[in-house]
C-alpha atoms as a PDB file:
ATOM      1  CA  MET A   1      10.596 -56.419  16.654  1.00  0.00           C
ATOM      2  CA  LYS A   2       9.712 -53.754  19.194  1.00  0.00           C
ATOM      3  CA  ARG A   3      13.383 -52.741  19.401  1.00  0.00           C
ATOM      4  CA  LEU A   4      13.535 -52.520  15.609  1.00  0.00           C
ATOM      5  CA  ALA A   5      10.436 -50.321  15.584  1.00  0.00           C
ATOM      6  CA  ILE A   6      11.948 -48.045  18.240  1.00  0.00           C
ATOM      7  CA  ALA A   7      15.212 -47.852  16.324  1.00  0.00           C
ATOM      8  CA  ALA A   8      13.341 -46.992  13.128  1.00  0.00           C
ATOM      9  CA  GLY A   9      11.454 -44.276  14.951  1.00  0.00           C
ATOM     10  CA  ILE A  10      14.689 -42.792  16.263  1.00  0.00           C
ATOM     11  CA  PHE A  11      16.155 -42.910  12.740  1.00  0.00           C
ATOM     12  CA  TRP A  12      13.214 -41.074  11.181  1.00  0.00           C
ATOM     13  CA  ALA A  13      13.120 -38.512  14.003  1.00  0.00           C
ATOM     14  CA  GLY A  14      16.804 -37.872  13.419  1.00  0.00           C
ATOM     15  CA  ALA A  15      16.235 -37.517   9.681  1.00  0.00           C
ATOM     16  CA  LEU A  16      13.459 -35.005  10.270  1.00  0.00           C
ATOM     17  CA  SER A  17      15.509 -32.995  12.757  1.00  0.00           C
ATOM     18  CA  ALA A  18      18.367 -32.882  10.259  1.00  0.00           C
ATOM     19  CA  GLN A  19      16.130 -31.165   7.700  1.00  0.00           C
ATOM     20  CA  PRO A  20      17.299 -27.534   7.419  1.00  0.00           C
ATOM     21  CA  GLU A  21      14.886 -24.859   8.629  1.00  0.00           C
ATOM     22  CA  LEU A  22      14.585 -21.314   7.320  1.00  0.00           C
ATOM     23  CA  THR A  23      12.922 -18.735   9.572  1.00  0.00           C
ATOM     24  CA  VAL A  24      11.267 -15.725   7.951  1.00  0.00           C
ATOM     25  CA  TYR A  25       9.988 -12.667   9.817  1.00  0.00           C
ATOM     26  CA  THR A  26       7.005 -11.298   7.921  1.00  0.00           C
ATOM     27  CA  TYR A  27       3.668  -9.567   8.413  1.00  0.00           C
ATOM     28  CA  GLU A  28       0.751 -11.517   9.835  1.00  0.00           C
ATOM     29  CA  SER A  29      -1.487 -11.308   6.758  1.00  0.00           C
ATOM     30  CA  PHE A  30       1.233 -12.994   4.665  1.00  0.00           C
ATOM     31  CA  PHE A  31       0.424 -16.520   5.829  1.00  0.00           C
ATOM     32  CA  THR A  32      -3.337 -16.280   6.252  1.00  0.00           C
ATOM     33  CA  GLU A  33      -5.310 -18.741   4.130  1.00  0.00           C
ATOM     34  CA  TRP A  34      -6.080 -15.959   1.643  1.00  0.00           C
ATOM     35  CA  GLY A  35      -2.517 -14.599   1.596  1.00  0.00           C
ATOM     36  CA  PRO A  36       0.431 -15.747  -0.531  1.00  0.00           C
ATOM     37  CA  GLY A  37       2.241 -17.512   2.332  1.00  0.00           C
ATOM     38  CA  PRO A  38       0.692 -21.003   2.109  1.00  0.00           C
ATOM     39  CA  ARG A  39       1.397 -21.289  -1.630  1.00  0.00           C
ATOM     40  CA  ILE A  40       4.920 -19.923  -1.296  1.00  0.00           C
ATOM     41  CA  LYS A  41       5.677 -22.183   1.666  1.00  0.00           C
ATOM     42  CA  ALA A  42       4.493 -25.312  -0.170  1.00  0.00           C
ATOM     43  CA  ALA A  43       6.324 -24.471  -3.410  1.00  0.00           C
ATOM     44  CA  PHE A  44       9.598 -23.565  -1.707  1.00  0.00           C
ATOM     45  CA  GLU A  45       9.578 -26.610   0.575  1.00  0.00           C
ATOM     46  CA  ASP A  46       9.114 -28.812  -2.502  1.00  0.00           C
ATOM     47  CA  GLN A  47      12.143 -27.135  -4.068  1.00  0.00           C
ATOM     48  CA  CYS A  48      14.495 -26.957  -1.095  1.00  0.00           C
ATOM     49  CA  ASP A  49      13.715 -30.130   0.893  1.00  0.00           C
ATOM     50  CA  CYS A  50      13.638 -27.915   3.963  1.00  0.00           C
ATOM     51  CA  ARG A  51      11.159 -26.478   6.422  1.00  0.00           C
ATOM     52  CA  LEU A  52      10.037 -22.882   5.921  1.00  0.00           C
ATOM     53  CA  ASN A  53       9.071 -21.316   9.240  1.00  0.00           C
ATOM     54  CA  LEU A  54       6.998 -18.143   8.775  1.00  0.00           C
ATOM     55  CA  LEU A  55       6.717 -15.900  11.835  1.00  0.00           C
ATOM     56  CA  GLY A  56       4.041 -13.208  11.617  1.00  0.00           C
ATOM     57  CA  ILE A  57       5.040 -10.091  13.573  1.00  0.00           C
ATOM     58  CA  GLY A  58       2.491  -7.343  12.980  1.00  0.00           C
ATOM     59  CA  ASP A  59       3.206  -5.022  10.058  1.00  0.00           C
ATOM     60  CA  GLY A  60       6.543  -4.161   8.454  1.00  0.00           C
ATOM     61  CA  ALA A  61       7.069  -1.283  10.857  1.00  0.00           C
ATOM     62  CA  THR A  62       6.570  -3.628  13.818  1.00  0.00           C
ATOM     63  CA  PHE A  63       9.080  -6.271  12.857  1.00  0.00           C
ATOM     64  CA  LEU A  64      11.682  -3.677  11.864  1.00  0.00           C
ATOM     65  CA  ALA A  65      11.406  -2.332  15.407  1.00  0.00           C
ATOM     66  CA  ARG A  66      11.732  -5.886  16.740  1.00  0.00           C
ATOM     67  CA  LEU A  67      14.824  -6.516  14.620  1.00  0.00           C
ATOM     68  CA  ARG A  68      16.455  -3.357  15.920  1.00  0.00           C
ATOM     69  CA  LEU A  69      15.644  -4.368  19.494  1.00  0.00           C
ATOM     70  CA  GLU A  70      16.900  -7.947  19.113  1.00  0.00           C
ATOM     71  CA  GLY A  71      19.994  -7.062  17.089  1.00  0.00           C
ATOM     72  CA  THR A  72      22.168 -10.090  16.416  1.00  0.00           C
ATOM     73  CA  ARG A  73      20.060 -12.126  18.856  1.00  0.00           C
ATOM     74  CA  ASN A  74      17.153 -12.321  16.398  1.00  0.00           C
ATOM     75  CA  ARG A  75      15.984 -15.704  15.138  1.00  0.00           C
ATOM     76  CA  ALA A  76      15.377 -14.658  11.531  1.00  0.00           C
ATOM     77  CA  ASP A  77      17.211 -15.857   8.451  1.00  0.00           C
ATOM     78  CA  VAL A  78      15.140 -13.642   6.155  1.00  0.00           C
ATOM     79  CA  VAL A  79      12.922 -10.588   6.618  1.00  0.00           C
ATOM     80  CA  LEU A  80      10.042 -10.160   4.160  1.00  0.00           C
ATOM     81  CA  GLY A  81       7.715  -7.149   4.137  1.00  0.00           C
ATOM     82  CA  LEU A  82       9.766  -3.968   4.504  1.00  0.00           C
ATOM     83  CA  ASP A  83       9.397  -1.295   1.845  1.00  0.00           C
ATOM     84  CA  THR A  84      11.510   1.472   0.335  1.00  0.00           C
ATOM     85  CA  ASN A  85      10.453   3.936   3.027  1.00  0.00           C
ATOM     86  CA  GLN A  86      12.122   1.710   5.636  1.00  0.00           C
ATOM     87  CA  ILE A  87      15.200   0.271   3.974  1.00  0.00           C
ATOM     88  CA  ALA A  88      17.532   3.184   4.811  1.00  0.00           C
ATOM     89  CA  THR A  89      16.737   2.642   8.497  1.00  0.00           C
ATOM     90  CA  ALA A  90      17.072  -1.121   8.046  1.00  0.00           C
ATOM     91  CA  ARG A  91      20.421  -0.712   6.293  1.00  0.00           C
ATOM     92  CA  GLU A  92      21.752   1.352   9.208  1.00  0.00           C
ATOM     93  CA  THR A  93      21.295  -1.592  11.583  1.00  0.00           C
ATOM     94  CA  GLY A  94      24.136  -3.448   9.840  1.00  0.00           C
ATOM     95  CA  LEU A  95      22.167  -6.681  10.244  1.00  0.00           C
ATOM     96  CA  PHE A  96      21.719  -7.494   6.553  1.00  0.00           C
ATOM     97  CA  ALA A  97      23.912  -9.370   4.081  1.00  0.00           C
ATOM     98  CA  PRO A  98      24.156  -8.898   0.293  1.00  0.00           C
ATOM     99  CA  SER A  99      21.323 -10.757  -1.401  1.00  0.00           C
ATOM    100  CA  GLY A 100      23.325 -12.278  -4.247  1.00  0.00           C
ATOM    101  CA  VAL A 101      20.163 -12.003  -6.367  1.00  0.00           C
ATOM    102  CA  GLU A 102      20.040 -10.690  -9.914  1.00  0.00           C
ATOM    103  CA  ALA A 103      16.854 -10.134 -11.908  1.00  0.00           C
ATOM    104  CA  ASP A 104      15.312  -8.180 -14.749  1.00  0.00           C
ATOM    105  CA  TYR A 105      12.739  -6.260 -12.724  1.00  0.00           C
ATOM    106  CA  ASP A 106       9.419  -4.815 -13.873  1.00  0.00           C
ATOM    107  CA  LEU A 107       9.296  -1.886 -11.451  1.00  0.00           C
ATOM    108  CA  PRO A 108       8.357   1.803 -11.837  1.00  0.00           C
ATOM    109  CA  VAL A 109      11.944   2.791 -10.897  1.00  0.00           C
ATOM    110  CA  PRO A 110      15.415   1.358 -11.629  1.00  0.00           C
ATOM    111  CA  TRP A 111      16.655  -1.090  -8.978  1.00  0.00           C
ATOM    112  CA  ASP A 112      20.261  -1.872  -8.036  1.00  0.00           C
ATOM    113  CA  ASP A 113      20.215  -2.282  -4.247  1.00  0.00           C
ATOM    114  CA  PRO A 114      22.698  -4.996  -3.177  1.00  0.00           C
ATOM    115  CA  LEU A 115      20.850  -5.929   0.044  1.00  0.00           C
ATOM    116  CA  PHE A 116      17.122  -5.707  -0.572  1.00  0.00           C
ATOM    117  CA  VAL A 117      15.171  -7.789  -3.095  1.00  0.00           C
ATOM    118  CA  PRO A 118      11.863  -6.328  -4.345  1.00  0.00           C
ATOM    119  CA  TYR A 119       9.146  -8.943  -4.745  1.00  0.00           C
ATOM    120  CA  ASP A 120       5.965  -6.920  -5.456  1.00  0.00           C
ATOM    121  CA  TRP A 121       4.714  -3.355  -5.723  1.00  0.00           C
ATOM    122  CA  SER A 122       1.644  -1.185  -6.128  1.00  0.00           C
ATOM    123  CA  LEU A 123       0.496   2.423  -5.682  1.00  0.00           C
ATOM    124  CA  PHE A 124      -1.258   3.750  -2.614  1.00  0.00           C
ATOM    125  CA  ALA A 125      -4.762   4.982  -3.320  1.00  0.00           C
ATOM    126  CA  PHE A 126      -8.043   5.747  -1.634  1.00  0.00           C
ATOM    127  CA  VAL A 127     -10.411   2.907  -2.479  1.00  0.00           C
ATOM    128  CA  HIS A 128     -14.144   3.535  -2.778  1.00  0.00           C
ATOM    129  CA  ARG A 129     -17.372   2.123  -4.123  1.00  0.00           C
ATOM    130  CA  LYS A 130     -18.389   3.067  -7.648  1.00  0.00           C
ATOM    131  CA  GLU A 131     -21.360   5.123  -6.492  1.00  0.00           C
ATOM    132  CA  THR A 132     -19.030   7.430  -4.533  1.00  0.00           C
ATOM    133  CA  LEU A 133     -17.965  10.483  -6.503  1.00  0.00           C
ATOM    134  CA  ALA A 134     -14.230  10.199  -5.947  1.00  0.00           C
ATOM    135  CA  PRO A 135     -12.000  13.270  -5.599  1.00  0.00           C
ATOM    136  CA  GLY A 136      -9.156  13.777  -8.060  1.00  0.00           C
ATOM    137  CA  SER A 137      -6.616  15.178  -5.603  1.00  0.00           C
ATOM    138  CA  PHE A 138      -5.868  15.611  -1.917  1.00  0.00           C
ATOM    139  CA  ARG A 139      -7.196  19.178  -2.100  1.00  0.00           C
ATOM    140  CA  GLU A 140     -10.508  17.964  -3.534  1.00  0.00           C
ATOM    141  CA  LEU A 141     -10.688  15.294  -0.826  1.00  0.00           C
ATOM    142  CA  ALA A 142     -10.056  17.878   1.899  1.00  0.00           C
ATOM    143  CA  ASP A 143     -12.759  20.160   0.462  1.00  0.00           C
ATOM    144  CA  SER A 144     -15.305  17.310   0.366  1.00  0.00           C
ATOM    145  CA  ASP A 145     -17.529  15.768   3.038  1.00  0.00           C
ATOM    146  CA  LEU A 146     -16.187  12.282   2.320  1.00  0.00           C
ATOM    147  CA  LYS A 147     -15.212  10.189   5.309  1.00  0.00           C
ATOM    148  CA  ILE A 148     -11.933   8.275   5.146  1.00  0.00           C
ATOM    149  CA  ILE A 149     -10.099   5.694   7.243  1.00  0.00           C
ATOM    150  CA  ILE A 150      -6.304   5.609   7.288  1.00  0.00           C
ATOM    151  CA  GLN A 151      -3.587   3.646   9.089  1.00  0.00           C
ATOM    152  CA  ASP A 152      -1.170   4.787  11.783  1.00  0.00           C
ATOM    153  CA  PRO A 153       2.250   5.599  10.249  1.00  0.00           C
ATOM    154  CA  ARG A 154       3.990   4.491  13.448  1.00  0.00           C
ATOM    155  CA  SER A 155       2.793   0.899  13.055  1.00  0.00           C
ATOM    156  CA  SER A 156       1.750   0.527   9.420  1.00  0.00           C
ATOM    157  CA  THR A 157       3.662   0.758   6.145  1.00  0.00           C
ATOM    158  CA  PRO A 158       0.628   2.168   4.253  1.00  0.00           C
ATOM    159  CA  GLY A 159       0.220   4.785   6.971  1.00  0.00           C
ATOM    160  CA  LEU A 160       3.847   5.843   6.582  1.00  0.00           C
ATOM    161  CA  GLY A 161       3.453   5.773   2.811  1.00  0.00           C
ATOM    162  CA  LEU A 162       0.544   8.212   3.062  1.00  0.00           C
ATOM    163  CA  LEU A 163       2.635  10.695   5.073  1.00  0.00           C
ATOM    164  CA  LEU A 164       5.410  10.611   2.509  1.00  0.00           C
ATOM    165  CA  TRP A 165       2.929  10.755  -0.373  1.00  0.00           C
ATOM    166  CA  VAL A 166       1.518  14.046   0.943  1.00  0.00           C
ATOM    167  CA  ARG A 167       5.019  15.353   1.685  1.00  0.00           C
ATOM    168  CA  ASP A 168       6.364  14.384  -1.739  1.00  0.00           C
ATOM    169  CA  ALA A 169       3.390  15.896  -3.551  1.00  0.00           C
ATOM    170  CA  TYR A 170       3.103  19.145  -1.562  1.00  0.00           C
ATOM    171  CA  GLY A 171       6.433  19.821   0.121  1.00  0.00           C
ATOM    172  CA  ASP A 172       6.148  22.696   2.603  1.00  0.00           C
ATOM    173  CA  GLU A 173       2.393  22.901   1.946  1.00  0.00           C
ATOM    174  CA  ALA A 174       1.868  19.442   3.479  1.00  0.00           C
ATOM    175  CA  PRO A 175       0.774  20.774   6.935  1.00  0.00           C
ATOM    176  CA  GLY A 176      -2.061  22.689   5.269  1.00  0.00           C
ATOM    177  CA  ILE A 177      -3.184  19.560   3.418  1.00  0.00           C
ATOM    178  CA  TRP A 178      -3.321  17.626   6.689  1.00  0.00           C
ATOM    179  CA  LYS A 179      -5.213  20.447   8.357  1.00  0.00           C
ATOM    180  CA  GLY A 180      -7.814  20.196   5.591  1.00  0.00           C
ATOM    181  CA  LEU A 181      -7.997  16.396   5.791  1.00  0.00           C
ATOM    182  CA  ALA A 182      -8.337  16.203   9.575  1.00  0.00           C
ATOM    183  CA  ASP A 183     -12.137  16.440   9.606  1.00  0.00           C
ATOM    184  CA  ASN A 184     -12.443  13.815   6.865  1.00  0.00           C
ATOM    185  CA  ILE A 185     -10.719  11.144   8.976  1.00  0.00           C
ATOM    186  CA  VAL A 186     -13.169   8.857  10.791  1.00  0.00           C
ATOM    187  CA  THR A 187     -10.486   6.833  12.563  1.00  0.00           C
ATOM    188  CA  VAL A 188      -6.858   5.766  12.383  1.00  0.00           C
ATOM    189  CA  THR A 189      -6.237   2.019  12.747  1.00  0.00           C
ATOM    190  CA  PRO A 190      -3.002   0.245  13.717  1.00  0.00           C
ATOM    191  CA  GLY A 191      -2.908  -1.713  10.455  1.00  0.00           C
ATOM    192  CA  TRP A 192      -4.488  -2.127   7.049  1.00  0.00           C
ATOM    193  CA  SER A 193      -6.717  -5.137   7.778  1.00  0.00           C
ATOM    194  CA  GLU A 194      -8.707  -3.332  10.453  1.00  0.00           C
ATOM    195  CA  SER A 195      -9.260  -0.243   8.309  1.00  0.00           C
ATOM    196  CA  TYR A 196     -10.274  -2.171   5.199  1.00  0.00           C
ATOM    197  CA  GLY A 197     -12.718  -4.245   7.209  1.00  0.00           C
ATOM    198  CA  LEU A 198     -14.336  -1.088   8.593  1.00  0.00           C
ATOM    199  CA  PHE A 199     -14.640   0.320   5.076  1.00  0.00           C
ATOM    200  CA  LEU A 200     -16.304  -2.858   3.805  1.00  0.00           C
ATOM    201  CA  ASP A 201     -18.704  -2.666   6.758  1.00  0.00           C
ATOM    202  CA  GLY A 202     -19.788   0.805   5.590  1.00  0.00           C
ATOM    203  CA  GLU A 203     -17.988   2.849   8.251  1.00  0.00           C
ATOM    204  CA  SER A 204     -16.397   5.209   5.684  1.00  0.00           C
ATOM    205  CA  ASP A 205     -16.650   6.371   2.080  1.00  0.00           C
ATOM    206  CA  MET A 206     -12.997   5.649   1.296  1.00  0.00           C
ATOM    207  CA  VAL A 207     -10.046   3.816   2.816  1.00  0.00           C
ATOM    208  CA  LEU A 208      -6.302   4.030   2.282  1.00  0.00           C
ATOM    209  CA  SER A 209      -5.280   0.952   0.313  1.00  0.00           C
ATOM    210  CA  TRP A 210      -3.731   0.291  -3.111  1.00  0.00           C
ATOM    211  CA  THR A 211      -4.656   0.762  -6.770  1.00  0.00           C
ATOM    212  CA  THR A 212      -4.578  -3.039  -7.082  1.00  0.00           C
ATOM    213  CA  SER A 213      -7.124  -3.672  -4.302  1.00  0.00           C
ATOM    214  CA  PRO A 214     -10.107  -3.708  -6.712  1.00  0.00           C
ATOM    215  CA  ALA A 215      -8.481  -6.683  -8.492  1.00  0.00           C
ATOM    216  CA  TYR A 216      -9.123  -8.792  -5.394  1.00  0.00           C
ATOM    217  CA  HIS A 217     -12.840  -8.059  -5.498  1.00  0.00           C
ATOM    218  CA  ARG A 218     -13.033  -8.710  -9.253  1.00  0.00           C
ATOM    219  CA  ILE A 219     -11.096 -11.973  -9.206  1.00  0.00           C
ATOM    220  CA  ALA A 220     -11.875 -13.489  -5.810  1.00  0.00           C
ATOM    221  CA  GLU A 221     -15.435 -12.217  -5.346  1.00  0.00           C
ATOM    222  CA  ASP A 222     -16.623 -11.491  -8.900  1.00  0.00           C
ATOM    223  CA  ASP A 223     -17.447  -7.998  -7.604  1.00  0.00           C
ATOM    224  CA  ASP A 224     -16.789  -5.001  -9.860  1.00  0.00           C
ATOM    225  CA  SER A 225     -18.145  -2.377  -7.440  1.00  0.00           C
ATOM    226  CA  ILE A 226     -14.827  -1.277  -5.885  1.00  0.00           C
ATOM    227  CA  GLU A 227     -12.527   1.299  -7.490  1.00  0.00           C
ATOM    228  CA  ALA A 228      -9.299   3.139  -6.623  1.00  0.00           C
ATOM    229  CA  ALA A 229      -8.953   6.905  -7.032  1.00  0.00           C
ATOM    230  CA  LEU A 230      -6.015   8.195  -9.089  1.00  0.00           C
ATOM    231  CA  PHE A 231      -4.886  11.663  -7.986  1.00  0.00           C
ATOM    232  CA  SER A 232      -3.655  14.421 -10.276  1.00  0.00           C
ATOM    233  CA  GLU A 233      -0.582  14.864  -8.055  1.00  0.00           C
ATOM    234  CA  GLY A 234       0.344  11.252  -8.781  1.00  0.00           C
ATOM    235  CA  ASN A 235       0.034   8.218  -6.510  1.00  0.00           C
ATOM    236  CA  TYR A 236       2.872   7.092  -4.248  1.00  0.00           C
ATOM    237  CA  ALA A 237       4.472   3.706  -4.901  1.00  0.00           C
ATOM    238  CA  GLN A 238       5.088   0.980  -2.386  1.00  0.00           C
ATOM    239  CA  ILE A 239       7.793  -1.503  -3.342  1.00  0.00           C
ATOM    240  CA  GLU A 240       7.976  -4.384  -0.865  1.00  0.00           C
ATOM    241  CA  VAL A 241      11.321  -6.038  -0.250  1.00  0.00           C
ATOM    242  CA  ALA A 242      12.954  -9.031   1.406  1.00  0.00           C
ATOM    243  CA  ALA A 243      16.520  -9.428   2.697  1.00  0.00           C
ATOM    244  CA  ARG A 244      18.680 -12.004   4.422  1.00  0.00           C
ATOM    245  CA  LEU A 245      20.349 -11.553   7.799  1.00  0.00           C
ATOM    246  CA  LYS A 246      24.108 -11.656   8.327  1.00  0.00           C
ATOM    247  CA  ASN A 247      23.704 -13.992  11.288  1.00  0.00           C
ATOM    248  CA  SER A 248      21.511 -16.472   9.378  1.00  0.00           C
ATOM    249  CA  ARG A 249      22.287 -20.061  10.280  1.00  0.00           C
ATOM    250  CA  GLU A 250      21.320 -21.043   6.715  1.00  0.00           C
ATOM    251  CA  PRO A 251      22.885 -18.339   4.494  1.00  0.00           C
ATOM    252  CA  GLU A 252      22.821 -20.373   1.265  1.00  0.00           C
ATOM    253  CA  LEU A 253      19.217 -21.427   1.859  1.00  0.00           C
ATOM    254  CA  ALA A 254      18.307 -17.806   2.623  1.00  0.00           C
ATOM    255  CA  GLN A 255      19.804 -16.718  -0.706  1.00  0.00           C
ATOM    256  CA  GLU A 256      17.946 -19.507  -2.480  1.00  0.00           C
ATOM    257  CA  PHE A 257      14.688 -18.297  -0.921  1.00  0.00           C
ATOM    258  CA  LEU A 258      15.292 -14.711  -2.029  1.00  0.00           C
ATOM    259  CA  GLN A 259      15.863 -15.908  -5.597  1.00  0.00           C
ATOM    260  CA  PHE A 260      12.773 -18.124  -5.360  1.00  0.00           C
ATOM    261  CA  LEU A 261      10.631 -15.084  -4.497  1.00  0.00           C
ATOM    262  CA  LEU A 262      11.175 -13.881  -8.079  1.00  0.00           C
ATOM    263  CA  SER A 263      10.155 -17.193  -9.670  1.00  0.00           C
ATOM    264  CA  ASP A 264       6.976 -17.458 -11.736  1.00  0.00           C
ATOM    265  CA  LYS A 265       5.235 -19.474  -8.990  1.00  0.00           C
ATOM    266  CA  ALA A 266       6.042 -16.998  -6.251  1.00  0.00           C
ATOM    267  CA  GLN A 267       5.253 -13.939  -8.354  1.00  0.00           C
ATOM    268  CA  ALA A 268       1.856 -15.396  -9.298  1.00  0.00           C
ATOM    269  CA  ALA A 269       1.170 -16.037  -5.597  1.00  0.00           C
ATOM    270  CA  PHE A 270       2.016 -12.443  -4.701  1.00  0.00           C
ATOM    271  CA  MET A 271      -0.203 -11.147  -7.503  1.00  0.00           C
ATOM    272  CA  THR A 272      -3.313 -13.028  -6.350  1.00  0.00           C
ATOM    273  CA  GLY A 273      -2.398 -13.340  -2.659  1.00  0.00           C
ATOM    274  CA  ASN A 274      -0.961  -9.946  -1.784  1.00  0.00           C
ATOM    275  CA  TRP A 275      -2.924  -8.397  -4.666  1.00  0.00           C
ATOM    276  CA  MET A 276       0.060  -6.389  -5.845  1.00  0.00           C
ATOM    277  CA  TYR A 277       1.908  -6.052  -9.145  1.00  0.00           C
ATOM    278  CA  PRO A 278       4.724  -8.589  -9.617  1.00  0.00           C
ATOM    279  CA  ALA A 279       8.312  -7.359  -9.378  1.00  0.00           C
ATOM    280  CA  VAL A 280       9.159  -9.704 -12.248  1.00  0.00           C
ATOM    281  CA  LEU A 281       6.276 -10.137 -14.659  1.00  0.00           C
ATOM    282  CA  PRO A 282       5.503 -13.845 -15.271  1.00  0.00           C
ATOM    283  CA  PRO A 283       5.317 -14.997 -18.925  1.00  0.00           C
ATOM    284  CA  GLY A 284       1.509 -14.967 -18.776  1.00  0.00           C
ATOM    285  CA  GLY A 285       1.451 -11.286 -17.808  1.00  0.00           C
ATOM    286  CA  LEU A 286      -0.892  -9.772 -15.237  1.00  0.00           C
ATOM    287  CA  ALA A 287      -3.756 -11.887 -13.948  1.00  0.00           C
ATOM    288  CA  GLU A 288      -7.089 -11.170 -15.638  1.00  0.00           C
ATOM    289  CA  GLY A 289      -8.859  -8.543 -13.536  1.00  0.00           C
ATOM    290  CA  PHE A 290      -5.797  -6.394 -12.886  1.00  0.00           C
ATOM    291  CA  ASP A 291      -5.709  -2.892 -14.293  1.00  0.00           C
ATOM    292  CA  PRO A 292      -2.392  -2.005 -15.952  1.00  0.00           C
ATOM    293  CA  PRO A 293      -0.095   0.242 -13.876  1.00  0.00           C
ATOM    294  CA  PRO A 294      -0.577   4.009 -14.294  1.00  0.00           C
ATOM    295  CA  ALA A 295       1.840   5.908 -16.521  1.00  0.00           C
ATOM    296  CA  PRO A 296       5.282   6.385 -14.916  1.00  0.00           C
ATOM    297  CA  GLU A 297       4.849  10.166 -14.728  1.00  0.00           C
ATOM    298  CA  LYS A 298       1.980   9.570 -12.272  1.00  0.00           C
ATOM    299  CA  VAL A 299       4.151   7.483  -9.939  1.00  0.00           C
ATOM    300  CA  LEU A 300       5.674   9.244  -6.920  1.00  0.00           C
ATOM    301  CA  LEU A 301       8.452   7.693  -4.849  1.00  0.00           C
ATOM    302  CA  LEU A 302      11.100   9.205  -2.592  1.00  0.00           C
ATOM    303  CA  ASP A 303      14.479   7.508  -2.589  1.00  0.00           C
ATOM    304  CA  PRO A 304      15.096   5.583   0.669  1.00  0.00           C
ATOM    305  CA  GLU A 305      17.495   8.104   2.199  1.00  0.00           C
ATOM    306  CA  ARG A 306      15.181  11.035   1.481  1.00  0.00           C
ATOM    307  CA  ALA A 307      12.205   9.108   2.889  1.00  0.00           C
ATOM    308  CA  ALA A 308      14.136   8.382   6.083  1.00  0.00           C
ATOM    309  CA  ALA A 309      15.199  12.021   6.407  1.00  0.00           C
ATOM    310  CA  LEU A 310      11.623  13.308   6.031  1.00  0.00           C
ATOM    311  CA  ARG A 311       9.897  10.712   8.190  1.00  0.00           C
ATOM    312  CA  ASP A 312      10.048  12.460  11.584  1.00  0.00           C
ATOM    313  CA  GLU A 313       9.111  15.848  10.156  1.00  0.00           C
ATOM    314  CA  ALA A 314       6.168  14.393   8.234  1.00  0.00           C
ATOM    315  CA  LEU A 315       5.021  12.484  11.318  1.00  0.00           C
ATOM    316  CA  ALA A 316       5.133  15.650  13.430  1.00  0.00           C
ATOM    317  CA  GLU A 317       3.032  17.507  10.821  1.00  0.00           C
ATOM    318  CA  TRP A 318       0.471  14.703  10.842  1.00  0.00           C
ATOM    319  CA  LEU A 319       0.254  14.504  14.640  1.00  0.00           C
ATOM    320  CA  ASP A 320      -0.101  18.261  14.930  1.00  0.00           C
ATOM    321  CA  ALA A 321      -2.943  18.402  12.404  1.00  0.00           C
ATOM    322  CA  LEU A 322      -4.882  15.537  13.977  1.00  0.00           C
ATOM    323  CA  SER A 323      -4.468  16.795  17.548  1.00  0.00           C
ATOM    324  CA  ARG A 324      -6.261  20.081  16.898  1.00  0.00           C
END
């Protein structure tokens, strides 16, 4: 009997080890208990009869740098959490394979990229409490005494988005905008979580976040005291994307996962886990508590190649203004 039990144990261990595993590089907040990761992991594992291994590696900027360093030695099958400001740089690595995904997207811009699959989006905004008299533009913010917290563009996708937002809205006048904003900035954090926590603790009047951030407080906390400022210049969009790696050991499973990200279950999880707009609107529409997206004419977004071309110049302008 003991030998039978041992044999059975070996059989089941072999069966478990034979289960395919998909490894996804993503940002750390993705698989926190309040993020979308746990729901997406459970739903996809039910569908695929596989193991979904989520590796949190800082922010999108961090794991793009890691991918470039590792090259074809990386362990990832899929990368989830880059955005349109990074995909030109990501494409240049030659590490990514065509997604094979088709969808009828609900995005503020047309989408036909063969490699990168958008799964959610929102607009960057400065979030504040209702009692704060919010500015209506970057110039008004710079002229005010309001204190703001932002994220470092070298390590954070929102931080990079802010640089390109100012550059897209003001062009060659961007250095002057940063010069005016310098004394409004309380601190610059490596990532979004730290900055938003400081804002909630009362360390600033406003924080760089998204127009959809108030939906979290309304839905999860029954708190209607947080708002997002819409600027007359327009607010800059962030479209988050996923892609599969050429050297994936599970290419068909990776493609299945990318398609799954656009399913109703996954899109609902992104909406009330990432607190972003869905890339493909589920049949039930937006969750109650979400404001509808602003009019398209108020949405700013540089195409990926232009964003990549402007990045270093915009970063230099920002560093120069904050070092004075």
